[in-house]
């Protein structure tokens, strides 16, 4: 039990450090290409437009960084 708890806390710490060092991750929808990739009727890939999730940037804000930014905004609003 102690080992599992310490591993979970260690994993959260590593993820928090990753979010602090590199707040952006590659988009899962377009794999960082920035374009929607579909296949034509022959099975060949083709780009059909700009990715809707990342808007063509290829990068998205990580969930942990989004939570950190939200909690920081709540703290600043309450401290006024």
PDB file of N, CA and C in Angstrom:
ATOM      1  N   UNK A   1       0.818  -1.189   0.000  1.00  0.00           N
ATOM      2  CA  UNK A   1       0.000   0.000   0.000  1.00  0.00           C
ATOM      3  C   UNK A   1       0.861   1.252   0.000  1.00  0.00           C
ATOM      4  N   UNK A   2       1.892   1.243   0.823  1.00  0.00           N
ATOM      5  CA  UNK A   2       2.788   2.388   0.895  1.00  0.00           C
ATOM      6  C   UNK A   2       3.547   2.553  -0.419  1.00  0.00           C
ATOM      7  N   UNK A   3       3.941   1.440  -1.023  1.00  0.00           N
ATOM      8  CA  UNK A   3       4.672   1.496  -2.282  1.00  0.00           C
ATOM      9  C   UNK A   3       3.793   2.060  -3.391  1.00  0.00           C
ATOM     10  N   UNK A   4       2.542   1.627  -3.464  1.00  0.00           N
ATOM     11  CA  UNK A   4       1.633   2.127  -4.498  1.00  0.00           C
ATOM     12  C   UNK A   4       1.367   3.615  -4.316  1.00  0.00           C
ATOM     13  N   UNK A   5       1.199   4.043  -3.074  1.00  0.00           N
ATOM     14  CA  UNK A   5       0.953   5.463  -2.806  1.00  0.00           C
ATOM     15  C   UNK A   5       2.164   6.305  -3.187  1.00  0.00           C
ATOM     16  N   UNK A   6       3.337   5.824  -2.832  1.00  0.00           N
ATOM     17  CA  UNK A   6       4.545   6.593  -3.152  1.00  0.00           C
ATOM     18  C   UNK A   6       4.785   6.625  -4.658  1.00  0.00           C
ATOM     19  N   UNK A   7       4.469   5.543  -5.369  1.00  0.00           N
ATOM     20  CA  UNK A   7       4.612   5.554  -6.819  1.00  0.00           C
ATOM     21  C   UNK A   7       3.615   6.501  -7.480  1.00  0.00           C
ATOM     22  N   UNK A   8       2.391   6.566  -6.943  1.00  0.00           N
ATOM     23  CA  UNK A   8       1.395   7.490  -7.484  1.00  0.00           C
ATOM     24  C   UNK A   8       1.818   8.935  -7.265  1.00  0.00           C
ATOM     25  N   UNK A   9       2.328   9.238  -6.078  1.00  0.00           N
ATOM     26  CA  UNK A   9       2.795  10.600  -5.785  1.00  0.00           C
ATOM     27  C   UNK A   9       4.006  10.946  -6.639  1.00  0.00           C
ATOM     28  N   UNK A  10       4.904   9.985  -6.837  1.00  0.00           N
ATOM     29  CA  UNK A  10       6.063  10.214  -7.693  1.00  0.00           C
ATOM     30  C   UNK A  10       5.634  10.463  -9.136  1.00  0.00           C
ATOM     31  N   UNK A  11       4.665   9.695  -9.618  1.00  0.00           N
ATOM     32  CA  UNK A  11       4.168   9.887 -10.987  1.00  0.00           C
ATOM     33  C   UNK A  11       3.522  11.247 -11.174  1.00  0.00           C
ATOM     34  N   UNK A  12       2.729  11.680 -10.184  1.00  0.00           N
ATOM     35  CA  UNK A  12       2.119  13.008 -10.259  1.00  0.00           C
ATOM     36  C   UNK A  12       3.172  14.110 -10.226  1.00  0.00           C
ATOM     37  N   UNK A  13       4.207  13.910  -9.447  1.00  0.00           N
ATOM     38  CA  UNK A  13       5.290  14.894  -9.396  1.00  0.00           C
ATOM     39  C   UNK A  13       6.032  15.000 -10.718  1.00  0.00           C
ATOM     40  N   UNK A  14       6.276  13.863 -11.330  1.00  0.00           N
ATOM     41  CA  UNK A  14       6.958  13.870 -12.633  1.00  0.00           C
ATOM     42  C   UNK A  14       6.086  14.540 -13.685  1.00  0.00           C
ATOM     43  N   UNK A  15       4.764  14.258 -13.668  1.00  0.00           N
ATOM     44  CA  UNK A  15       3.858  14.882 -14.632  1.00  0.00           C
ATOM     45  C   UNK A  15       3.768  16.394 -14.404  1.00  0.00           C
ATOM     46  N   UNK A  16       3.761  16.820 -13.133  1.00  0.00           N
ATOM     47  CA  UNK A  16       3.735  18.250 -12.828  1.00  0.00           C
ATOM     48  C   UNK A  16       5.010  18.927 -13.331  1.00  0.00           C
ATOM     49  N   UNK A  17       6.149  18.275 -13.176  1.00  0.00           N
ATOM     50  CA  UNK A  17       7.397  18.828 -13.689  1.00  0.00           C
ATOM     51  C   UNK A  17       7.374  18.898 -15.217  1.00  0.00           C
ATOM     52  N   UNK A  18       6.811  17.877 -15.855  1.00  0.00           N
ATOM     53  CA  UNK A  18       6.700  17.888 -17.312  1.00  0.00           C
ATOM     54  C   UNK A  18       5.816  19.033 -17.785  1.00  0.00           C
ATOM     55  N   UNK A  19       4.711  19.267 -17.078  1.00  0.00           N
ATOM     56  CA  UNK A  19       3.817  20.366 -17.445  1.00  0.00           C
ATOM     57  C   UNK A  19       4.483  21.719 -17.231  1.00  0.00           C
ATOM     58  N   UNK A  20       5.341  21.818 -16.243  1.00  0.00           N
ATOM     59  CA  UNK A  20       6.054  23.069 -16.009  1.00  0.00           C
ATOM     60  C   UNK A  20       7.141  23.324 -17.032  1.00  0.00           C
ATOM     61  N   UNK A  21       7.836  22.275 -17.429  1.00  0.00           N
ATOM     62  CA  UNK A  21       8.930  22.412 -18.390  1.00  0.00           C
ATOM     63  C   UNK A  21       8.407  22.546 -19.813  1.00  0.00           C
ATOM     64  N   UNK A  22       7.478  21.683 -20.175  1.00  0.00           N
ATOM     65  CA  UNK A  22       6.942  21.668 -21.532  1.00  0.00           C
ATOM     66  C   UNK A  22       5.415  21.686 -21.469  1.00  0.00           C
ATOM     67  N   UNK A  23       4.805  22.882 -21.444  1.00  0.00           N
ATOM     68  CA  UNK A  23       3.351  22.955 -21.265  1.00  0.00           C
ATOM     69  C   UNK A  23       2.549  22.500 -22.481  1.00  0.00           C
ATOM     70  N   UNK A  24       3.163  22.408 -23.634  1.00  0.00           N
ATOM     71  CA  UNK A  24       2.443  22.004 -24.832  1.00  0.00           C
ATOM     72  C   UNK A  24       2.853  20.607 -25.271  1.00  0.00           C
ATOM     73  N   UNK A  25       1.856  19.811 -25.656  1.00  0.00           N
ATOM     74  CA  UNK A  25       2.087  18.478 -26.188  1.00  0.00           C
ATOM     75  C   UNK A  25       1.570  18.418 -27.616  1.00  0.00           C
ATOM     76  N   UNK A  26       1.920  17.386 -28.343  1.00  0.00           N
ATOM     77  CA  UNK A  26       1.441  17.270 -29.712  1.00  0.00           C
ATOM     78  C   UNK A  26      -0.045  16.947 -29.721  1.00  0.00           C
ATOM     79  N   UNK A  27      -0.705  17.434 -30.727  1.00  0.00           N
ATOM     80  CA  UNK A  27      -2.140  17.195 -30.875  1.00  0.00           C
ATOM     81  C   UNK A  27      -2.357  15.721 -31.186  1.00  0.00           C
ATOM     82  N   UNK A  28      -3.307  15.096 -30.474  1.00  0.00           N
ATOM     83  CA  UNK A  28      -3.572  13.680 -30.697  1.00  0.00           C
ATOM     84  C   UNK A  28      -4.398  13.443 -31.947  1.00  0.00           C
ATOM     85  N   UNK A  29      -5.146  14.425 -32.363  1.00  0.00           N
ATOM     86  CA  UNK A  29      -6.015  14.249 -33.521  1.00  0.00           C
ATOM     87  C   UNK A  29      -5.206  14.209 -34.824  1.00  0.00           C
ATOM     88  N   UNK A  30      -4.270  15.147 -34.967  1.00  0.00           N
ATOM     89  CA  UNK A  30      -3.509  15.232 -36.224  1.00  0.00           C
ATOM     90  C   UNK A  30      -2.070  14.769 -36.070  1.00  0.00           C
ATOM     91  N   UNK A  31      -1.689  14.283 -34.884  1.00  0.00           N
ATOM     92  CA  UNK A  31      -0.316  13.831 -34.586  1.00  0.00           C
ATOM     93  C   UNK A  31       0.728  14.913 -34.815  1.00  0.00           C
ATOM     94  N   UNK A  32       0.340  16.175 -34.577  1.00  0.00           N
ATOM     95  CA  UNK A  32       1.275  17.281 -34.686  1.00  0.00           C
ATOM     96  C   UNK A  32       1.460  17.820 -36.088  1.00  0.00           C
ATOM     97  N   UNK A  33       0.707  17.335 -37.055  1.00  0.00           N
ATOM     98  CA  UNK A  33       0.853  17.806 -38.423  1.00  0.00           C
ATOM     99  C   UNK A  33       0.099  19.107 -38.678  1.00  0.00           C
ATOM    100  N   UNK A  34      -0.967  19.349 -37.944  1.00  0.00           N
ATOM    101  CA  UNK A  34      -1.745  20.562 -38.111  1.00  0.00           C
ATOM    102  C   UNK A  34      -2.801  20.467 -39.190  1.00  0.00           C
ATOM    103  N   UNK A  35      -2.905  19.326 -39.843  1.00  0.00           N
ATOM    104  CA  UNK A  35      -3.895  19.135 -40.900  1.00  0.00           C
ATOM    105  C   UNK A  35      -4.696  17.875 -40.618  1.00  0.00           C
ATOM    106  N   UNK A  36      -5.965  17.937 -40.986  1.00  0.00           N
ATOM    107  CA  UNK A  36      -6.799  16.745 -40.872  1.00  0.00           C
ATOM    108  C   UNK A  36      -6.385  15.777 -41.968  1.00  0.00           C
ATOM    109  N   UNK A  37      -6.072  14.574 -41.603  1.00  0.00           N
ATOM    110  CA  UNK A  37      -5.649  13.562 -42.556  1.00  0.00           C
ATOM    111  C   UNK A  37      -6.778  12.538 -42.695  1.00  0.00           C
ATOM    112  N   UNK A  38      -7.239  12.357 -43.899  1.00  0.00           N
ATOM    113  CA  UNK A  38      -8.235  11.331 -44.180  1.00  0.00           C
ATOM    114  C   UNK A  38      -7.686  10.461 -45.309  1.00  0.00           C
ATOM    115  N   UNK A  39      -8.402   9.418 -45.622  1.00  0.00           N
ATOM    116  CA  UNK A  39      -7.982   8.568 -46.727  1.00  0.00           C
ATOM    117  C   UNK A  39      -8.979   8.696 -47.866  1.00  0.00           C
ATOM    118  N   UNK A  40      -8.462   8.620 -49.074  1.00  0.00           N
ATOM    119  CA  UNK A  40      -9.361   8.654 -50.224  1.00  0.00           C
ATOM    120  C   UNK A  40      -9.916   7.255 -50.474  1.00  0.00           C
ATOM    121  N   UNK A  41     -10.629   7.072 -51.549  1.00  0.00           N
ATOM    122  CA  UNK A  41     -11.292   5.785 -51.773  1.00  0.00           C
ATOM    123  C   UNK A  41     -10.313   4.662 -52.089  1.00  0.00           C
ATOM    124  N   UNK A  42      -9.057   5.014 -52.400  1.00  0.00           N
ATOM    125  CA  UNK A  42      -8.025   4.005 -52.656  1.00  0.00           C
ATOM    126  C   UNK A  42      -7.182   3.709 -51.420  1.00  0.00           C
ATOM    127  N   UNK A  43      -7.470   4.389 -50.303  1.00  0.00           N
ATOM    128  CA  UNK A  43      -6.750   4.137 -49.063  1.00  0.00           C
ATOM    129  C   UNK A  43      -5.512   4.993 -48.881  1.00  0.00           C
ATOM    130  N   UNK A  44      -5.281   5.934 -49.790  1.00  0.00           N
ATOM    131  CA  UNK A  44      -4.116   6.812 -49.670  1.00  0.00           C
ATOM    132  C   UNK A  44      -4.456   7.997 -48.767  1.00  0.00           C
ATOM    133  N   UNK A  45      -3.534   8.400 -47.898  1.00  0.00           N
ATOM    134  CA  UNK A  45      -3.819   9.539 -47.017  1.00  0.00           C
ATOM    135  C   UNK A  45      -3.790  10.855 -47.791  1.00  0.00           C
ATOM    136  N   UNK A  46      -4.657  11.778 -47.385  1.00  0.00           N
ATOM    137  CA  UNK A  46      -4.644  13.113 -47.977  1.00  0.00           C
ATOM    138  C   UNK A  46      -5.068  14.122 -46.916  1.00  0.00           C
ATOM    139  N   UNK A  47      -4.518  15.321 -47.004  1.00  0.00           N
ATOM    140  CA  UNK A  47      -4.856  16.392 -46.069  1.00  0.00           C
ATOM    141  C   UNK A  47      -6.104  17.090 -46.581  1.00  0.00           C
ATOM    142  N   UNK A  48      -7.110  17.206 -45.705  1.00  0.00           N
ATOM    143  CA  UNK A  48      -8.373  17.802 -46.147  1.00  0.00           C
ATOM    144  C   UNK A  48      -8.625  19.181 -45.560  1.00  0.00           C
ATOM    145  N   UNK A  49      -7.811  19.645 -44.666  1.00  0.00           N
ATOM    146  CA  UNK A  49      -8.020  20.968 -44.081  1.00  0.00           C
ATOM    147  C   UNK A  49      -7.263  21.117 -42.783  1.00  0.00           C
ATOM    148  N   UNK A  50      -7.544  22.185 -42.101  1.00  0.00           N
ATOM    149  CA  UNK A  50      -6.873  22.495 -40.841  1.00  0.00           C
ATOM    150  C   UNK A  50      -7.512  21.687 -39.718  1.00  0.00           C
ATOM    151  N   UNK A  51      -6.698  21.179 -38.821  1.00  0.00           N
ATOM    152  CA  UNK A  51      -7.178  20.396 -37.685  1.00  0.00           C
ATOM    153  C   UNK A  51      -8.071  21.264 -36.797  1.00  0.00           C
ATOM    154  N   UNK A  52      -9.211  20.715 -36.390  1.00  0.00           N
ATOM    155  CA  UNK A  52     -10.163  21.475 -35.577  1.00  0.00           C
ATOM    156  C   UNK A  52      -9.706  21.634 -34.139  1.00  0.00           C
ATOM    157  N   UNK A  53      -8.966  20.684 -33.628  1.00  0.00           N
ATOM    158  CA  UNK A  53      -8.555  20.748 -32.220  1.00  0.00           C
ATOM    159  C   UNK A  53      -7.435  21.743 -31.980  1.00  0.00           C
ATOM    160  N   UNK A  54      -6.405  21.704 -32.807  1.00  0.00           N
ATOM    161  CA  UNK A  54      -5.239  22.560 -32.567  1.00  0.00           C
ATOM    162  C   UNK A  54      -5.209  23.776 -33.490  1.00  0.00           C
ATOM    163  N   UNK A  55      -6.172  23.881 -34.391  1.00  0.00           N
ATOM    164  CA  UNK A  55      -6.275  25.006 -35.328  1.00  0.00           C
ATOM    165  C   UNK A  55      -5.014  25.157 -36.181  1.00  0.00           C
ATOM    166  N   UNK A  56      -4.430  24.047 -36.563  1.00  0.00           N
ATOM    167  CA  UNK A  56      -3.277  24.055 -37.453  1.00  0.00           C
ATOM    168  C   UNK A  56      -1.946  24.261 -36.771  1.00  0.00           C
ATOM    169  N   UNK A  57      -1.914  24.406 -35.459  1.00  0.00           N
ATOM    170  CA  UNK A  57      -0.658  24.625 -34.747  1.00  0.00           C
ATOM    171  C   UNK A  57       0.115  23.328 -34.523  1.00  0.00           C
ATOM    172  N   UNK A  58      -0.595  22.220 -34.366  1.00  0.00           N
ATOM    173  CA  UNK A  58       0.056  20.942 -34.114  1.00  0.00           C
ATOM    174  C   UNK A  58       0.371  20.706 -32.651  1.00  0.00           C
ATOM    175  N   UNK A  59       0.111  21.689 -31.803  1.00  0.00           N
ATOM    176  CA  UNK A  59       0.389  21.591 -30.368  1.00  0.00           C
ATOM    177  C   UNK A  59      -0.872  21.930 -29.592  1.00  0.00           C
ATOM    178  N   UNK A  60      -1.025  21.298 -28.426  1.00  0.00           N
ATOM    179  CA  UNK A  60      -2.157  21.570 -27.539  1.00  0.00           C
ATOM    180  C   UNK A  60      -1.650  21.714 -26.116  1.00  0.00           C
ATOM    181  N   UNK A  61      -2.350  22.502 -25.334  1.00  0.00           N
ATOM    182  CA  UNK A  61      -1.986  22.694 -23.938  1.00  0.00           C
ATOM    183  C   UNK A  61      -2.303  21.413 -23.171  1.00  0.00           C
ATOM    184  N   UNK A  62      -1.339  20.942 -22.389  1.00  0.00           N
ATOM    185  CA  UNK A  62      -1.534  19.713 -21.622  1.00  0.00           C
ATOM    186  C   UNK A  62      -2.612  19.908 -20.557  1.00  0.00           C
ATOM    187  N   UNK A  63      -3.261  18.818 -20.169  1.00  0.00           N
ATOM    188  CA  UNK A  63      -4.331  18.872 -19.185  1.00  0.00           C
ATOM    189  C   UNK A  63      -3.827  19.406 -17.849  1.00  0.00           C
ATOM    190  N   UNK A  64      -2.668  18.961 -17.404  1.00  0.00           N
ATOM    191  CA  UNK A  64      -2.116  19.430 -16.132  1.00  0.00           C
ATOM    192  C   UNK A  64      -1.819  20.914 -16.156  1.00  0.00           C
ATOM    193  N   UNK A  65      -1.329  21.412 -17.272  1.00  0.00           N
ATOM    194  CA  UNK A  65      -1.041  22.838 -17.390  1.00  0.00           C
ATOM    195  C   UNK A  65      -2.331  23.647 -17.425  1.00  0.00           C
ATOM    196  N   UNK A  66      -3.367  23.088 -18.078  1.00  0.00           N
ATOM    197  CA  UNK A  66      -4.664  23.756 -18.120  1.00  0.00           C
ATOM    198  C   UNK A  66      -5.253  23.867 -16.712  1.00  0.00           C
ATOM    199  N   UNK A  67      -5.119  22.792 -15.912  1.00  0.00           N
ATOM    200  CA  UNK A  67      -5.594  22.824 -14.524  1.00  0.00           C
ATOM    201  C   UNK A  67      -4.795  23.821 -13.679  1.00  0.00           C
ATOM    202  N   UNK A  68      -3.492  23.879 -13.900  1.00  0.00           N
ATOM    203  CA  UNK A  68      -2.657  24.831 -13.170  1.00  0.00           C
ATOM    204  C   UNK A  68      -3.048  26.263 -13.510  1.00  0.00           C
ATOM    205  N   UNK A  69      -3.265  26.560 -14.787  1.00  0.00           N
ATOM    206  CA  UNK A  69      -3.666  27.904 -15.194  1.00  0.00           C
ATOM    207  C   UNK A  69      -5.028  28.271 -14.604  1.00  0.00           C
ATOM    208  N   UNK A  70      -5.950  27.319 -14.596  1.00  0.00           N
ATOM    209  CA  UNK A  70      -7.285  27.581 -14.051  1.00  0.00           C
ATOM    210  C   UNK A  70      -7.218  27.858 -12.551  1.00  0.00           C
ATOM    211  N   UNK A  71      -6.458  27.065 -11.820  1.00  0.00           N
ATOM    212  CA  UNK A  71      -6.347  27.285 -10.377  1.00  0.00           C
ATOM    213  C   UNK A  71      -5.638  28.606 -10.087  1.00  0.00           C
ATOM    214  N   UNK A  72      -4.679  28.986 -10.909  1.00  0.00           N
ATOM    215  CA  UNK A  72      -3.995  30.262 -10.742  1.00  0.00           C
ATOM    216  C   UNK A  72      -4.955  31.433 -10.975  1.00  0.00           C
ATOM    217  N   UNK A  73      -5.831  31.307 -11.979  1.00  0.00           N
ATOM    218  CA  UNK A  73      -6.824  32.351 -12.246  1.00  0.00           C
ATOM    219  C   UNK A  73      -7.814  32.477 -11.091  1.00  0.00           C
ATOM    220  N   UNK A  74      -8.247  31.351 -10.533  1.00  0.00           N
ATOM    221  CA  UNK A  74      -9.161  31.376  -9.391  1.00  0.00           C
ATOM    222  C   UNK A  74      -8.488  32.050  -8.183  1.00  0.00           C
ATOM    223  N   UNK A  75      -7.230  31.739  -7.954  1.00  0.00           N
ATOM    224  CA  UNK A  75      -6.514  32.337  -6.832  1.00  0.00           C
ATOM    225  C   UNK A  75      -6.374  33.835  -7.017  1.00  0.00           C
ATOM    226  N   UNK A  76      -6.027  34.268  -8.225  1.00  0.00           N
ATOM    227  CA  UNK A  76      -5.875  35.704  -8.480  1.00  0.00           C
ATOM    228  C   UNK A  76      -7.201  36.439  -8.333  1.00  0.00           C
ATOM    229  N   UNK A  77      -8.297  35.815  -8.783  1.00  0.00           N
ATOM    230  CA  UNK A  77      -9.601  36.462  -8.658  1.00  0.00           C
ATOM    231  C   UNK A  77     -10.024  36.578  -7.195  1.00  0.00           C
ATOM    232  N   UNK A  78      -9.664  35.622  -6.381  1.00  0.00           N
ATOM    233  CA  UNK A  78     -10.030  35.651  -4.970  1.00  0.00           C
ATOM    234  C   UNK A  78      -9.140  36.561  -4.154  1.00  0.00           C
ATOM    235  N   UNK A  79      -7.923  36.825  -4.619  1.00  0.00           N
ATOM    236  CA  UNK A  79      -6.979  37.647  -3.882  1.00  0.00           C
ATOM    237  C   UNK A  79      -7.212  39.148  -4.096  1.00  0.00           C
ATOM    238  N   UNK A  80      -8.087  39.517  -5.009  1.00  0.00           N
ATOM    239  CA  UNK A  80      -8.333  40.934  -5.291  1.00  0.00           C
ATOM    240  C   UNK A  80      -9.187  41.571  -4.258  1.00  0.00           C
TER     241      UNK A  80
END
